[in-house]
Structure formats: C-alpha cells, structure tokens
Amino acid sequence: MHLVSIAMYVTSPPLADATAELWSFLRHYLSQAGLTDLPEMLDQTVPYDEAWLRPDLFLSQTCGYPFARRLRGRVRLVATPFYDYPGCDGPLMRSFIIVRKDSSFRSLEDLRGTTAAINSPDSNSGSNLFRAAVAPFARDGRFFGRIIETGSHGGSIAAVAEGRADSAAIDCITYANIRRFDPGQIEGVRIIVETPKGPGLPFITSGDASDDRVLLLRNALDAAVSEPSLEATRATLGLTDFAVLSEADYEPLLSLAGEALPQLRA
C-alpha cells in the first residue's frame, strides 16, 4: 500500500476534513486512471517529516526550506499550491512577524537583543524567512538575544502571547487558517511586518517515481481545482490553483538571508 501523508495544514477539524475530501477525490481520479494500492485514508501515524523520504511515499506536502536543503534529488516535485490568502502571491508565500498586542515594538530594529520563537530551525516560514527579514540588521552575526524553539506555529504564537518570547514568524497560510477557525489564538498578538517571499510548500512524490506517475498526479490536482463538487472543499483550504515549479525555483531559499546571520537555532 502506498503512503499518502498531507499534514501541513490540518490543525483544525474543518481543515482536516477538507484535506481528507481532497484526497478522496484524488484517489478516485487516480483509481479511474488505473492506479492501485491507494489508501482510502490519509496516513496519521507517520510523522509528516519522516514521510518525505519513505520509499513507499506516493504523495505528501513538504516545506520549501527542507526541500531545498536536503530533499532535492531525493524526491520529485509534483506541484505547488496557490492559496487565496493575504501574504500569498501565486505559488509564493511569506510569513508575518508577530509581537504581543500590548508591546512597544513597532519595527524589526526594535527586536534587536530580544527573544525570538521559532517552530523549527528547518522551517522556511518560521525560521528561514524570519532570518532573511532580520539579517540586514544583524551585527557581527547576531541580532536576537535569545531564541527558543516551540515545535509549531501555534506554539510560537502562544509563546509570544504569553510573554515567553517577544516575536515569531508565522506562515501566512497558517495565520489565515487560525484567524478563520481559531481566532482566539491570535487575539493577544499583532503583525508588525512581513518577511520576504519565497516558493510555497510543494506536493512531492518518491524520488523513483516515473514521469507517468508525476504527470498523473499533476493532472489529478488540476482536476481537483476545477471540480465543481469540490468548491466548498477548496474554499475551506483557501486553495485556488497549482503551479509546476522546478528545483531551481527553490534554490534561492538557501541564500535568502545571505551570510550576515547564521541559521536560527535555540
């Protein structure tokens, strides 16, 4: 049985349900095209980042920075989604840098020497784009006084709201989803600036996938975008289209921050 894990934007029940509905449509389309051994349900047992390099991987969604750093040449790009949210620009996305609502911070320079929360050092939206935004203000390879690692965007928002951190960078898609489905989570924070943008979270398949499989997956995703019965599903996900990007399109993420500031780590 193939492994299908689409777990990047499923933090609320409506999103999880809509993602399952999307997979149900894709599975039917692919089955009609003659593919077998497709799971009925999305996998919820394998950690999402472990799924990316599984030999039985059929379809997953990864983050742009780990794709550029360690997945290129080991998996195949399928397509990158367009989301209809503030901060998104076709297949490109950015992060919003947040601070506590009652804080005195008004600019990036105000954050010098303070505590920053990151979800993971390997995250494009929570760490790499954050680093790119503050790098021009770095001195002697430093900007923040301290960095804490929270494990998730939700954890970073909570750290800022509760005063354990002064700022964090939140993926614009995640921020929009929280605003729609769990607005109380962001009541205590505000956005002070946007980060630079870069290519969004691509759908991938295993590195040994044939050209025919990749093309079929792309066709299935294209069909999902135009399928009338999925209109409500797409609206829940904020999904409007897909683009086929190349590995070269993701490479600039590796140098977005230049050499002024090392990778953000706790």
C-alpha atoms as a PDB file:
ATOM      1  CA  MET A   1       0.000   0.000   0.000  1.00  0.00           C
ATOM      2  CA  HIS A   2       1.300   3.438  -0.927  1.00  0.00           C
ATOM      3  CA  LEU A   3       1.833   6.109   1.731  1.00  0.00           C
ATOM      4  CA  VAL A   4      -0.140   9.356   1.402  1.00  0.00           C
ATOM      5  CA  SER A   5       0.505  11.997   4.055  1.00  0.00           C
ATOM      6  CA  ILE A   6      -0.849  15.538   3.628  1.00  0.00           C
ATOM      7  CA  ALA A   7      -0.359  17.012   7.073  1.00  0.00           C
ATOM      8  CA  MET A   8       0.967  20.563   6.807  1.00  0.00           C
ATOM      9  CA  TYR A   9      -2.351  22.404   7.170  1.00  0.00           C
ATOM     10  CA  VAL A  10      -4.670  20.168   9.184  1.00  0.00           C
ATOM     11  CA  THR A  11      -4.593  21.804  12.612  1.00  0.00           C
ATOM     12  CA  SER A  12      -8.355  22.333  12.873  1.00  0.00           C
ATOM     13  CA  PRO A  13     -11.189  19.872  12.157  1.00  0.00           C
ATOM     14  CA  PRO A  14     -12.526  21.808   9.123  1.00  0.00           C
ATOM     15  CA  LEU A  15      -9.071  21.767   7.524  1.00  0.00           C
ATOM     16  CA  ALA A  16      -8.518  18.096   8.323  1.00  0.00           C
ATOM     17  CA  ASP A  17     -11.919  17.195   6.892  1.00  0.00           C
ATOM     18  CA  ALA A  18     -11.357  19.240   3.734  1.00  0.00           C
ATOM     19  CA  THR A  19      -7.923  17.687   3.199  1.00  0.00           C
ATOM     20  CA  ALA A  20      -9.478  14.232   3.540  1.00  0.00           C
ATOM     21  CA  GLU A  21     -12.134  15.229   0.977  1.00  0.00           C
ATOM     22  CA  LEU A  22      -9.418  16.406  -1.400  1.00  0.00           C
ATOM     23  CA  TRP A  23      -7.607  13.083  -1.085  1.00  0.00           C
ATOM     24  CA  SER A  24     -10.851  11.162  -1.628  1.00  0.00           C
ATOM     25  CA  PHE A  25     -11.308  12.960  -4.950  1.00  0.00           C
ATOM     26  CA  LEU A  26      -7.669  12.426  -5.948  1.00  0.00           C
ATOM     27  CA  ARG A  27      -7.871   8.751  -5.042  1.00  0.00           C
ATOM     28  CA  HIS A  28     -10.976   8.269  -7.192  1.00  0.00           C
ATOM     29  CA  TYR A  29      -9.377  10.098 -10.117  1.00  0.00           C
ATOM     30  CA  LEU A  30      -6.181   8.053  -9.860  1.00  0.00           C
ATOM     31  CA  SER A  31      -8.075   4.783  -9.460  1.00  0.00           C
ATOM     32  CA  GLN A  32     -10.066   5.559 -12.591  1.00  0.00           C
ATOM     33  CA  ALA A  33      -6.730   6.025 -14.351  1.00  0.00           C
ATOM     34  CA  GLY A  34      -5.701   2.502 -13.356  1.00  0.00           C
ATOM     35  CA  LEU A  35      -3.593   3.028 -10.243  1.00  0.00           C
ATOM     36  CA  THR A  36      -3.928   0.510  -7.427  1.00  0.00           C
ATOM     37  CA  ASP A  37      -2.798   0.151  -3.801  1.00  0.00           C
ATOM     38  CA  LEU A  38      -4.024   3.646  -2.947  1.00  0.00           C
ATOM     39  CA  PRO A  39      -5.047   4.046   0.707  1.00  0.00           C
ATOM     40  CA  GLU A  40      -8.598   5.072   1.456  1.00  0.00           C
ATOM     41  CA  MET A  41      -7.483   7.339   4.282  1.00  0.00           C
ATOM     42  CA  LEU A  42      -4.628   9.775   4.722  1.00  0.00           C
ATOM     43  CA  ASP A  43      -1.878   8.456   6.973  1.00  0.00           C
ATOM     44  CA  GLN A  44      -1.895   9.834  10.510  1.00  0.00           C
ATOM     45  CA  THR A  45       0.716   7.540  12.043  1.00  0.00           C
ATOM     46  CA  VAL A  46       3.974   8.565  10.348  1.00  0.00           C
ATOM     47  CA  PRO A  47       5.406  11.964  11.401  1.00  0.00           C
ATOM     48  CA  TYR A  48       4.977  14.257   8.417  1.00  0.00           C
ATOM     49  CA  ASP A  49       8.699  14.920   8.015  1.00  0.00           C
ATOM     50  CA  GLU A  50       9.523  11.202   8.171  1.00  0.00           C
ATOM     51  CA  ALA A  51       7.067  10.508   5.359  1.00  0.00           C
ATOM     52  CA  TRP A  52       9.040  12.612   2.880  1.00  0.00           C
ATOM     53  CA  LEU A  53      11.821  10.082   2.345  1.00  0.00           C
ATOM     54  CA  ARG A  54       9.847   6.885   2.825  1.00  0.00           C
ATOM     55  CA  PRO A  55      10.364   4.517  -0.135  1.00  0.00           C
ATOM     56  CA  ASP A  56       6.602   3.850  -0.237  1.00  0.00           C
ATOM     57  CA  LEU A  57       5.727   7.553  -0.460  1.00  0.00           C
ATOM     58  CA  PHE A  58       3.069   8.294  -3.052  1.00  0.00           C
ATOM     59  CA  LEU A  59       2.070  11.853  -2.175  1.00  0.00           C
ATOM     60  CA  SER A  60       2.933  14.336   0.545  1.00  0.00           C
ATOM     61  CA  GLN A  61       3.448  18.047   1.118  1.00  0.00           C
ATOM     62  CA  THR A  62       6.780  19.357   2.332  1.00  0.00           C
ATOM     63  CA  CYS A  63       8.241  22.685   3.416  1.00  0.00           C
ATOM     64  CA  GLY A  64      10.291  24.674   0.906  1.00  0.00           C
ATOM     65  CA  TYR A  65      13.440  25.062   3.017  1.00  0.00           C
ATOM     66  CA  PRO A  66      13.969  21.370   3.851  1.00  0.00           C
ATOM     67  CA  PHE A  67      13.170  20.599   0.230  1.00  0.00           C
ATOM     68  CA  ALA A  68      15.937  22.932  -0.905  1.00  0.00           C
ATOM     69  CA  ARG A  69      18.393  21.791   1.789  1.00  0.00           C
ATOM     70  CA  ARG A  70      18.037  18.029   1.837  1.00  0.00           C
ATOM     71  CA  LEU A  71      15.235  16.672  -0.338  1.00  0.00           C
ATOM     72  CA  ARG A  72      16.281  17.915  -3.783  1.00  0.00           C
ATOM     73  CA  GLY A  73      17.302  14.970  -5.912  1.00  0.00           C
ATOM     74  CA  ARG A  74      15.773  12.543  -3.398  1.00  0.00           C
ATOM     75  CA  VAL A  75      12.083  13.230  -4.073  1.00  0.00           C
ATOM     76  CA  ARG A  76      10.219  14.540  -7.104  1.00  0.00           C
ATOM     77  CA  LEU A  77       8.285  17.780  -7.214  1.00  0.00           C
ATOM     78  CA  VAL A  78       4.660  17.407  -8.230  1.00  0.00           C
ATOM     79  CA  ALA A  79       3.116  20.875  -7.877  1.00  0.00           C
ATOM     80  CA  THR A  80       2.960  23.896  -5.588  1.00  0.00           C
ATOM     81  CA  PRO A  81      -0.458  25.158  -4.476  1.00  0.00           C
ATOM     82  CA  PHE A  82      -1.849  28.684  -4.739  1.00  0.00           C
ATOM     83  CA  TYR A  83      -3.664  29.878  -1.605  1.00  0.00           C
ATOM     84  CA  ASP A  84      -6.070  32.805  -1.664  1.00  0.00           C
ATOM     85  CA  TYR A  85      -4.815  34.488   1.489  1.00  0.00           C
ATOM     86  CA  PRO A  86      -3.059  37.749   2.400  1.00  0.00           C
ATOM     87  CA  GLY A  87       0.663  37.256   2.010  1.00  0.00           C
ATOM     88  CA  CYS A  88       0.333  34.739  -0.824  1.00  0.00           C
ATOM     89  CA  ASP A  89       1.304  35.570  -4.402  1.00  0.00           C
ATOM     90  CA  GLY A  90       0.542  32.675  -6.736  1.00  0.00           C
ATOM     91  CA  PRO A  91       2.864  29.831  -5.664  1.00  0.00           C
ATOM     92  CA  LEU A  92       4.845  32.233  -3.465  1.00  0.00           C
ATOM     93  CA  MET A  93       4.215  32.903   0.209  1.00  0.00           C
ATOM     94  CA  ARG A  94       5.684  34.870   3.098  1.00  0.00           C
ATOM     95  CA  SER A  95       5.466  34.990   6.860  1.00  0.00           C
ATOM     96  CA  PHE A  96       4.063  37.581   9.233  1.00  0.00           C
ATOM     97  CA  ILE A  97       6.290  38.663  12.093  1.00  0.00           C
ATOM     98  CA  ILE A  98       4.175  38.981  15.210  1.00  0.00           C
ATOM     99  CA  VAL A  99       4.636  40.589  18.626  1.00  0.00           C
ATOM    100  CA  ARG A 100       2.383  40.868  21.664  1.00  0.00           C
ATOM    101  CA  LYS A 101      -0.505  43.226  21.050  1.00  0.00           C
ATOM    102  CA  ASP A 102       0.397  45.419  24.047  1.00  0.00           C
ATOM    103  CA  SER A 103       4.150  45.506  23.367  1.00  0.00           C
ATOM    104  CA  SER A 104       6.044  48.636  22.378  1.00  0.00           C
ATOM    105  CA  PHE A 105       7.715  47.029  19.338  1.00  0.00           C
ATOM    106  CA  ARG A 106       6.991  48.839  16.088  1.00  0.00           C
ATOM    107  CA  SER A 107       9.809  47.790  13.735  1.00  0.00           C
ATOM    108  CA  LEU A 108      12.264  44.987  13.137  1.00  0.00           C
ATOM    109  CA  GLU A 109      15.095  47.028  14.609  1.00  0.00           C
ATOM    110  CA  ASP A 110      13.131  47.241  17.863  1.00  0.00           C
ATOM    111  CA  LEU A 111      13.548  43.455  18.179  1.00  0.00           C
ATOM    112  CA  ARG A 112      17.332  43.575  18.459  1.00  0.00           C
ATOM    113  CA  GLY A 113      18.546  41.664  21.511  1.00  0.00           C
ATOM    114  CA  THR A 114      15.081  40.287  22.333  1.00  0.00           C
ATOM    115  CA  THR A 115      13.801  36.702  22.485  1.00  0.00           C
ATOM    116  CA  ALA A 116      12.507  35.138  19.264  1.00  0.00           C
ATOM    117  CA  ALA A 117      10.402  31.998  18.977  1.00  0.00           C
ATOM    118  CA  ILE A 118      10.881  29.607  16.059  1.00  0.00           C
ATOM    119  CA  ASN A 119       8.867  26.490  15.381  1.00  0.00           C
ATOM    120  CA  SER A 120      11.901  24.619  13.997  1.00  0.00           C
ATOM    121  CA  PRO A 121      15.344  25.578  12.657  1.00  0.00           C
ATOM    122  CA  ASP A 122      14.416  23.717   9.459  1.00  0.00           C
ATOM    123  CA  SER A 123      11.197  25.652   8.850  1.00  0.00           C
ATOM    124  CA  ASN A 124      11.127  28.038   5.920  1.00  0.00           C
ATOM    125  CA  SER A 125       8.292  30.182   7.250  1.00  0.00           C
ATOM    126  CA  GLY A 126       9.120  30.063  10.949  1.00  0.00           C
ATOM    127  CA  SER A 127      12.904  30.355  10.752  1.00  0.00           C
ATOM    128  CA  ASN A 128      14.428  30.894   7.305  1.00  0.00           C
ATOM    129  CA  LEU A 129      12.161  33.761   6.197  1.00  0.00           C
ATOM    130  CA  PHE A 130      12.404  35.217   9.722  1.00  0.00           C
ATOM    131  CA  ARG A 131      16.184  35.142   9.432  1.00  0.00           C
ATOM    132  CA  ALA A 132      16.038  36.758   5.977  1.00  0.00           C
ATOM    133  CA  ALA A 133      13.912  39.611   7.359  1.00  0.00           C
ATOM    134  CA  VAL A 134      16.244  40.493  10.225  1.00  0.00           C
ATOM    135  CA  ALA A 135      19.586  39.691   8.534  1.00  0.00           C
ATOM    136  CA  PRO A 136      20.064  43.254   7.195  1.00  0.00           C
ATOM    137  CA  PHE A 137      20.059  44.486  10.810  1.00  0.00           C
ATOM    138  CA  ALA A 138      22.494  41.870  12.156  1.00  0.00           C
ATOM    139  CA  ARG A 139      25.751  42.948  13.815  1.00  0.00           C
ATOM    140  CA  ASP A 140      28.705  40.580  13.985  1.00  0.00           C
ATOM    141  CA  GLY A 141      26.484  37.658  13.039  1.00  0.00           C
ATOM    142  CA  ARG A 142      23.885  38.302  15.749  1.00  0.00           C
ATOM    143  CA  PHE A 143      20.535  40.001  16.033  1.00  0.00           C
ATOM    144  CA  PHE A 144      18.345  38.290  18.634  1.00  0.00           C
ATOM    145  CA  GLY A 145      19.469  37.956  22.223  1.00  0.00           C
ATOM    146  CA  ARG A 146      17.901  34.526  22.635  1.00  0.00           C
ATOM    147  CA  ILE A 147      15.953  32.006  20.547  1.00  0.00           C
ATOM    148  CA  ILE A 148      13.500  29.422  21.803  1.00  0.00           C
ATOM    149  CA  GLU A 149      12.123  26.501  19.793  1.00  0.00           C
ATOM    150  CA  THR A 150       8.402  25.762  20.159  1.00  0.00           C
ATOM    151  CA  GLY A 151       7.749  22.885  17.751  1.00  0.00           C
ATOM    152  CA  SER A 152       4.854  24.510  15.886  1.00  0.00           C
ATOM    153  CA  HIS A 153       3.479  27.819  14.656  1.00  0.00           C
ATOM    154  CA  GLY A 154       0.734  27.521  17.246  1.00  0.00           C
ATOM    155  CA  GLY A 155       3.374  27.062  19.913  1.00  0.00           C
ATOM    156  CA  SER A 156       5.235  30.148  18.695  1.00  0.00           C
ATOM    157  CA  ILE A 157       2.054  32.243  18.765  1.00  0.00           C
ATOM    158  CA  ALA A 158       1.377  31.076  22.327  1.00  0.00           C
ATOM    159  CA  ALA A 159       4.963  31.868  23.360  1.00  0.00           C
ATOM    160  CA  VAL A 160       4.586  35.452  22.120  1.00  0.00           C
ATOM    161  CA  ALA A 161       1.100  35.934  23.565  1.00  0.00           C
ATOM    162  CA  GLU A 162       2.212  34.588  26.960  1.00  0.00           C
ATOM    163  CA  GLY A 163       5.399  36.655  27.087  1.00  0.00           C
ATOM    164  CA  ARG A 164       7.882  33.791  26.807  1.00  0.00           C
ATOM    165  CA  ALA A 165       9.100  35.276  23.523  1.00  0.00           C
ATOM    166  CA  ASP A 166       8.955  38.753  22.039  1.00  0.00           C
ATOM    167  CA  SER A 167       8.396  37.813  18.389  1.00  0.00           C
ATOM    168  CA  ALA A 168       7.856  34.976  15.941  1.00  0.00           C
ATOM    169  CA  ALA A 169       7.339  34.494  12.205  1.00  0.00           C
ATOM    170  CA  ILE A 170       4.121  32.760  11.219  1.00  0.00           C
ATOM    171  CA  ASP A 171       3.387  31.261   7.809  1.00  0.00           C
ATOM    172  CA  CYS A 172       0.742  33.473   6.161  1.00  0.00           C
ATOM    173  CA  ILE A 173      -1.395  30.430   5.335  1.00  0.00           C
ATOM    174  CA  THR A 174      -1.294  29.158   8.900  1.00  0.00           C
ATOM    175  CA  TYR A 175      -2.096  32.654  10.175  1.00  0.00           C
ATOM    176  CA  ALA A 176      -5.117  32.905   7.867  1.00  0.00           C
ATOM    177  CA  ASN A 177      -6.339  29.458   8.908  1.00  0.00           C
ATOM    178  CA  ILE A 178      -6.065  30.359  12.591  1.00  0.00           C
ATOM    179  CA  ARG A 179      -7.873  33.655  12.005  1.00  0.00           C
ATOM    180  CA  ARG A 180     -10.719  31.759  10.324  1.00  0.00           C
ATOM    181  CA  PHE A 181     -11.023  28.691  12.538  1.00  0.00           C
ATOM    182  CA  ASP A 182      -9.445  29.564  15.899  1.00  0.00           C
ATOM    183  CA  PRO A 183      -9.324  33.379  16.131  1.00  0.00           C
ATOM    184  CA  GLY A 184      -8.884  33.392  19.886  1.00  0.00           C
ATOM    185  CA  GLN A 185      -5.374  32.058  19.373  1.00  0.00           C
ATOM    186  CA  ILE A 186      -4.201  35.341  17.821  1.00  0.00           C
ATOM    187  CA  GLU A 187      -6.162  37.791  19.975  1.00  0.00           C
ATOM    188  CA  GLY A 188      -3.069  38.651  22.001  1.00  0.00           C
ATOM    189  CA  VAL A 189      -0.693  39.309  19.090  1.00  0.00           C
ATOM    190  CA  ARG A 190      -0.324  41.706  16.177  1.00  0.00           C
ATOM    191  CA  ILE A 191       1.670  41.791  12.951  1.00  0.00           C
ATOM    192  CA  ILE A 192       4.457  44.357  12.684  1.00  0.00           C
ATOM    193  CA  VAL A 193       5.976  43.430   9.317  1.00  0.00           C
ATOM    194  CA  GLU A 194       6.001  40.822   6.541  1.00  0.00           C
ATOM    195  CA  THR A 195       9.045  38.767   5.613  1.00  0.00           C
ATOM    196  CA  PRO A 196      10.450  38.395   2.090  1.00  0.00           C
ATOM    197  CA  LYS A 197       8.523  35.883  -0.002  1.00  0.00           C
ATOM    198  CA  GLY A 198       9.583  32.566  -1.498  1.00  0.00           C
ATOM    199  CA  PRO A 199       8.087  29.476  -3.137  1.00  0.00           C
ATOM    200  CA  GLY A 200       5.431  27.748  -1.062  1.00  0.00           C
ATOM    201  CA  LEU A 201       5.001  24.234   0.262  1.00  0.00           C
ATOM    202  CA  PRO A 202       5.182  21.766  -2.646  1.00  0.00           C
ATOM    203  CA  PHE A 203       3.466  18.446  -3.094  1.00  0.00           C
ATOM    204  CA  ILE A 204       6.053  15.711  -3.666  1.00  0.00           C
ATOM    205  CA  THR A 205       6.298  12.032  -4.532  1.00  0.00           C
ATOM    206  CA  SER A 206       9.099   9.497  -4.127  1.00  0.00           C
ATOM    207  CA  GLY A 207      12.386  10.031  -5.888  1.00  0.00           C
ATOM    208  CA  ASP A 208      11.998   6.899  -8.016  1.00  0.00           C
ATOM    209  CA  ALA A 209       8.530   7.836  -9.267  1.00  0.00           C
ATOM    210  CA  SER A 210       8.125   7.568 -13.025  1.00  0.00           C
ATOM    211  CA  ASP A 211       7.359  10.526 -15.261  1.00  0.00           C
ATOM    212  CA  ASP A 212       3.962   8.960 -15.894  1.00  0.00           C
ATOM    213  CA  ARG A 213       3.156   8.943 -12.181  1.00  0.00           C
ATOM    214  CA  VAL A 214       4.211  12.562 -11.741  1.00  0.00           C
ATOM    215  CA  LEU A 215       2.132  13.633 -14.737  1.00  0.00           C
ATOM    216  CA  LEU A 216      -0.872  11.704 -13.476  1.00  0.00           C
ATOM    217  CA  LEU A 217      -0.603  13.338 -10.050  1.00  0.00           C
ATOM    218  CA  ARG A 218      -0.398  16.768 -11.668  1.00  0.00           C
ATOM    219  CA  ASN A 219      -3.441  16.016 -13.778  1.00  0.00           C
ATOM    220  CA  ALA A 220      -5.335  14.861 -10.694  1.00  0.00           C
ATOM    221  CA  LEU A 221      -4.503  18.064  -8.814  1.00  0.00           C
ATOM    222  CA  ASP A 222      -5.526  20.159 -11.827  1.00  0.00           C
ATOM    223  CA  ALA A 223      -8.809  18.270 -11.955  1.00  0.00           C
ATOM    224  CA  ALA A 224      -9.382  18.955  -8.255  1.00  0.00           C
ATOM    225  CA  VAL A 225      -9.028  22.694  -8.865  1.00  0.00           C
ATOM    226  CA  SER A 226     -11.807  22.722 -11.463  1.00  0.00           C
ATOM    227  CA  GLU A 227     -14.128  20.073  -9.993  1.00  0.00           C
ATOM    228  CA  PRO A 228     -17.488  21.725  -9.127  1.00  0.00           C
ATOM    229  CA  SER A 229     -18.221  19.317  -6.279  1.00  0.00           C
ATOM    230  CA  LEU A 230     -15.025  20.419  -4.505  1.00  0.00           C
ATOM    231  CA  GLU A 231     -15.915  24.115  -4.425  1.00  0.00           C
ATOM    232  CA  ALA A 232     -16.592  24.100  -0.670  1.00  0.00           C
ATOM    233  CA  THR A 233     -13.505  21.979  -0.022  1.00  0.00           C
ATOM    234  CA  ARG A 234     -11.281  24.387  -1.926  1.00  0.00           C
ATOM    235  CA  ALA A 235     -12.841  27.337  -0.106  1.00  0.00           C
ATOM    236  CA  THR A 236     -12.103  25.758   3.280  1.00  0.00           C
ATOM    237  CA  LEU A 237      -8.499  25.121   2.278  1.00  0.00           C
ATOM    238  CA  GLY A 238      -8.092  28.502   0.569  1.00  0.00           C
ATOM    239  CA  LEU A 239      -6.882  26.544  -2.453  1.00  0.00           C
ATOM    240  CA  THR A 240      -7.220  28.105  -5.896  1.00  0.00           C
ATOM    241  CA  ASP A 241      -4.660  26.536  -8.232  1.00  0.00           C
ATOM    242  CA  PHE A 242      -1.351  24.700  -8.637  1.00  0.00           C
ATOM    243  CA  ALA A 243       1.884  25.554 -10.421  1.00  0.00           C
ATOM    244  CA  VAL A 244       4.705  23.258 -11.507  1.00  0.00           C
ATOM    245  CA  LEU A 245       7.950  24.712 -10.156  1.00  0.00           C
ATOM    246  CA  SER A 246      11.469  23.405 -10.674  1.00  0.00           C
ATOM    247  CA  GLU A 247      14.120  22.500  -8.141  1.00  0.00           C
ATOM    248  CA  ALA A 248      15.956  25.644  -9.256  1.00  0.00           C
ATOM    249  CA  ASP A 249      12.965  27.741  -8.172  1.00  0.00           C
ATOM    250  CA  TYR A 250      13.534  26.595  -4.575  1.00  0.00           C
ATOM    251  CA  GLU A 251      17.316  27.020  -4.514  1.00  0.00           C
ATOM    252  CA  PRO A 252      17.204  30.776  -3.666  1.00  0.00           C
ATOM    253  CA  LEU A 253      15.730  29.874  -0.276  1.00  0.00           C
ATOM    254  CA  LEU A 254      19.200  28.682   0.717  1.00  0.00           C
ATOM    255  CA  SER A 255      20.744  32.121   0.290  1.00  0.00           C
ATOM    256  CA  LEU A 256      17.797  34.386   1.065  1.00  0.00           C
ATOM    257  CA  ALA A 257      19.392  35.646   4.271  1.00  0.00           C
ATOM    258  CA  GLY A 258      22.894  35.947   2.850  1.00  0.00           C
ATOM    259  CA  GLU A 259      25.862  35.435   5.158  1.00  0.00           C
ATOM    260  CA  ALA A 260      25.053  38.110   7.724  1.00  0.00           C
ATOM    261  CA  LEU A 261      23.232  35.832  10.134  1.00  0.00           C
ATOM    262  CA  PRO A 262      23.594  32.082  10.839  1.00  0.00           C
ATOM    263  CA  GLN A 263      20.624  29.732  10.789  1.00  0.00           C
ATOM    264  CA  LEU A 264      18.319  30.468  13.718  1.00  0.00           C
ATOM    265  CA  ARG A 265      18.644  27.842  16.446  1.00  0.00           C
ATOM    266  CA  ALA A 266      17.653  27.647  20.092  1.00  0.00           C
END
